[in-house]
Amino acid sequence: GGDFTRFGKQEDAEDFNNWLGSVKNKFQHIVVVNGNHECNAPWKNQTASLLSNATFLKQQRVDLDVNTQCGHSRTLCVFGAEFSWSLGLGSRHPNYDAIPLETEVLVVHNPPKDTADGGKGCPAVLTRVKELSSTPQLKLVVCGHLHFAHGKHTMKSGVVVVNAANANKGHGDMGWPV
């Protein structure tokens, strides 16, 4: 869900990529988006090459082949949207409007308003998630950004929102359990 560096330090991105490499064999796919810490980094245009152990998405869709627990394989539509500042109620944002209707998993930095957000999420993300949840495809939204609001929320539509922010009391305190 973004913020994988401390304020855009390239050595943090490199360290993160090394860590991803160490856990890569435990997961079928790892998807990463930029958070506000990475959006203004001098290396932001090289993020995809810096994160060689993950699929980096910036306003992009990827169709991933996944194996289910039942031994079947299927294609999963994942869309990644990087950080954008929260917009007011009723506002639209082109980054979120670009999320295709067939999206099953959305990875976005800013959480939807009134989900796993402590009341500080983005209304524009919520608007788009509600539109997407009217289709049967969207199942999961993974976000970060609001560190104090780490947790899980299930919307009335059944869409699960996971705020996976792992810093708790500050950017150096990884106080939340995995």
Foldseek 3Di string as FASTA:
>chain_A
DAPQDDQQDLVSLLVSLVVLVVCLVVDQAAEDEHEPSNPPHPCNVCSCVSNVSHHYAALDWDWDWDADPVRDIDTAIEHEHYDDDADDAPDADPSLVSDDLQHAEYEYAFDDAPFLAPRRGHPNNVVSVVVSLVDVRHAEYEYENRQQSADWGQDPSNRIYGHHHQAHPDSVRSPDDD
